[in-house]
């Protein structure tokens, strides 16, 4: 099943491949229409001779914010522990005159 659209040729190739894949998954024969463009699959791998991209500013800011939140959580847990310890000390003093 090939759908006629006004998409650019590479989109036609992708659409044809997707329709063929759907047909195969249903157990139907594929259309056997050859793709009109080169078959290129981008697996996301970075070539060895290229440096990996630097993280975006958003990622760096998010990681910094998470680190700040972890530090604040540690402070709050310490304060909570201190308050609980203080409450236990007060309870002991009131209980044992």
C-alpha atoms as a PDB file:
ATOM      1  CA  UNK A   1       0.000   0.000   0.000  1.00  0.00           C
ATOM      2  CA  UNK A   2       1.607   3.235  -1.132  1.00  0.00           C
ATOM      3  CA  UNK A   3      -0.044   6.506  -0.284  1.00  0.00           C
ATOM      4  CA  UNK A   4       0.274   9.411  -2.650  1.00  0.00           C
ATOM      5  CA  UNK A   5       1.348  12.541  -0.864  1.00  0.00           C
ATOM      6  CA  UNK A   6       2.984  15.765  -1.861  1.00  0.00           C
ATOM      7  CA  UNK A   7       5.948  15.118   0.424  1.00  0.00           C
ATOM      8  CA  UNK A   8       9.523  15.565  -0.694  1.00  0.00           C
ATOM      9  CA  UNK A   9      11.181  12.438  -2.164  1.00  0.00           C
ATOM     10  CA  UNK A  10      13.022  11.373   1.006  1.00  0.00           C
ATOM     11  CA  UNK A  11       9.724  11.471   2.868  1.00  0.00           C
ATOM     12  CA  UNK A  12       8.197   9.306   0.137  1.00  0.00           C
ATOM     13  CA  UNK A  13      10.984   6.770   0.703  1.00  0.00           C
ATOM     14  CA  UNK A  14      10.428   6.780   4.450  1.00  0.00           C
ATOM     15  CA  UNK A  15       6.669   6.488   4.012  1.00  0.00           C
ATOM     16  CA  UNK A  16       7.090   3.591   1.583  1.00  0.00           C
ATOM     17  CA  UNK A  17       9.472   1.814   3.961  1.00  0.00           C
ATOM     18  CA  UNK A  18       7.089   2.276   6.891  1.00  0.00           C
ATOM     19  CA  UNK A  19       4.142   0.953   4.907  1.00  0.00           C
ATOM     20  CA  UNK A  20       6.192  -2.066   3.830  1.00  0.00           C
ATOM     21  CA  UNK A  21       7.250  -2.692   7.416  1.00  0.00           C
ATOM     22  CA  UNK A  22       3.648  -2.499   8.604  1.00  0.00           C
ATOM     23  CA  UNK A  23       2.620  -4.967   5.917  1.00  0.00           C
ATOM     24  CA  UNK A  24       5.358  -7.398   6.912  1.00  0.00           C
ATOM     25  CA  UNK A  25       4.415  -7.121  10.590  1.00  0.00           C
ATOM     26  CA  UNK A  26       0.812  -7.951   9.686  1.00  0.00           C
ATOM     27  CA  UNK A  27       2.063 -10.927   7.693  1.00  0.00           C
ATOM     28  CA  UNK A  28       1.098  -9.391   4.354  1.00  0.00           C
ATOM     29  CA  UNK A  29       3.564  -9.216   1.483  1.00  0.00           C
ATOM     30  CA  UNK A  30       5.393  -5.938   1.089  1.00  0.00           C
ATOM     31  CA  UNK A  31       4.713  -3.791  -1.968  1.00  0.00           C
ATOM     32  CA  UNK A  32       8.035  -4.761  -3.526  1.00  0.00           C
ATOM     33  CA  UNK A  33       8.434  -1.197  -4.723  1.00  0.00           C
ATOM     34  CA  UNK A  34      12.054  -0.192  -4.551  1.00  0.00           C
ATOM     35  CA  UNK A  35      12.891   2.914  -2.633  1.00  0.00           C
ATOM     36  CA  UNK A  36      13.608   5.933  -4.801  1.00  0.00           C
ATOM     37  CA  UNK A  37      16.503   7.116  -2.698  1.00  0.00           C
ATOM     38  CA  UNK A  38      19.610   5.789  -1.006  1.00  0.00           C
ATOM     39  CA  UNK A  39      19.062   3.640   2.029  1.00  0.00           C
ATOM     40  CA  UNK A  40      20.835   5.400   4.870  1.00  0.00           C
ATOM     41  CA  UNK A  41      20.239   4.404   8.453  1.00  0.00           C
ATOM     42  CA  UNK A  42      21.515   6.791  11.078  1.00  0.00           C
ATOM     43  CA  UNK A  43      22.259   4.687  14.146  1.00  0.00           C
ATOM     44  CA  UNK A  44      23.266   7.739  16.150  1.00  0.00           C
ATOM     45  CA  UNK A  45      26.863   6.598  16.493  1.00  0.00           C
ATOM     46  CA  UNK A  46      29.531   9.272  16.417  1.00  0.00           C
ATOM     47  CA  UNK A  47      32.358   8.557  13.982  1.00  0.00           C
ATOM     48  CA  UNK A  48      35.672   7.931  15.691  1.00  0.00           C
ATOM     49  CA  UNK A  49      37.382  10.896  14.037  1.00  0.00           C
ATOM     50  CA  UNK A  50      34.750  13.346  15.304  1.00  0.00           C
ATOM     51  CA  UNK A  51      34.769  14.720  18.822  1.00  0.00           C
ATOM     52  CA  UNK A  52      31.646  14.134  20.823  1.00  0.00           C
ATOM     53  CA  UNK A  53      29.421  17.185  21.053  1.00  0.00           C
ATOM     54  CA  UNK A  54      29.527  19.316  24.165  1.00  0.00           C
ATOM     55  CA  UNK A  55      26.430  19.105  26.325  1.00  0.00           C
ATOM     56  CA  UNK A  56      23.944  21.872  25.702  1.00  0.00           C
ATOM     57  CA  UNK A  57      23.506  24.736  28.118  1.00  0.00           C
ATOM     58  CA  UNK A  58      20.123  23.335  29.149  1.00  0.00           C
ATOM     59  CA  UNK A  59      21.707  20.041  30.177  1.00  0.00           C
ATOM     60  CA  UNK A  60      24.461  21.773  32.129  1.00  0.00           C
ATOM     61  CA  UNK A  61      21.944  24.027  33.882  1.00  0.00           C
ATOM     62  CA  UNK A  62      19.695  21.079  34.697  1.00  0.00           C
ATOM     63  CA  UNK A  63      22.594  19.070  36.128  1.00  0.00           C
ATOM     64  CA  UNK A  64      23.700  22.067  38.202  1.00  0.00           C
ATOM     65  CA  UNK A  65      20.143  22.528  39.516  1.00  0.00           C
ATOM     66  CA  UNK A  66      19.901  18.841  40.440  1.00  0.00           C
ATOM     67  CA  UNK A  67      23.216  19.081  42.315  1.00  0.00           C
ATOM     68  CA  UNK A  68      21.940  22.152  44.192  1.00  0.00           C
ATOM     69  CA  UNK A  69      18.722  20.330  45.082  1.00  0.00           C
ATOM     70  CA  UNK A  70      20.692  17.330  46.370  1.00  0.00           C
ATOM     71  CA  UNK A  71      22.795  19.640  48.545  1.00  0.00           C
ATOM     72  CA  UNK A  72      19.673  21.344  49.904  1.00  0.00           C
ATOM     73  CA  UNK A  73      18.077  17.948  50.590  1.00  0.00           C
ATOM     74  CA  UNK A  74      21.161  16.904  52.566  1.00  0.00           C
ATOM     75  CA  UNK A  75      20.913  20.128  54.607  1.00  0.00           C
ATOM     76  CA  UNK A  76      17.227  19.555  55.324  1.00  0.00           C
ATOM     77  CA  UNK A  77      17.843  15.947  56.333  1.00  0.00           C
ATOM     78  CA  UNK A  78      20.605  17.103  58.696  1.00  0.00           C
ATOM     79  CA  UNK A  79      18.316  19.768  60.183  1.00  0.00           C
ATOM     80  CA  UNK A  80      15.526  17.217  60.564  1.00  0.00           C
ATOM     81  CA  UNK A  81      17.882  14.817  62.323  1.00  0.00           C
ATOM     82  CA  UNK A  82      19.049  17.637  64.607  1.00  0.00           C
ATOM     83  CA  UNK A  83      15.461  18.582  65.481  1.00  0.00           C
ATOM     84  CA  UNK A  84      14.534  14.955  66.174  1.00  0.00           C
ATOM     85  CA  UNK A  85      17.632  14.538  68.361  1.00  0.00           C
ATOM     86  CA  UNK A  86      16.751  17.751  70.223  1.00  0.00           C
ATOM     87  CA  UNK A  87      13.186  16.542  70.752  1.00  0.00           C
ATOM     88  CA  UNK A  88      14.460  13.235  72.160  1.00  0.00           C
ATOM     89  CA  UNK A  89      16.815  15.104  74.501  1.00  0.00           C
ATOM     90  CA  UNK A  90      13.956  17.295  75.731  1.00  0.00           C
ATOM     91  CA  UNK A  91      11.734  14.251  76.214  1.00  0.00           C
ATOM     92  CA  UNK A  92      14.469  12.533  78.255  1.00  0.00           C
ATOM     93  CA  UNK A  93      14.963  15.615  80.452  1.00  0.00           C
ATOM     94  CA  UNK A  94      11.234  15.897  81.084  1.00  0.00           C
ATOM     95  CA  UNK A  95      10.907  12.188  81.778  1.00  0.00           C
ATOM     96  CA  UNK A  96      14.001  11.886  84.007  1.00  0.00           C
ATOM     97  CA  UNK A  97      14.020  14.835  86.469  1.00  0.00           C
END
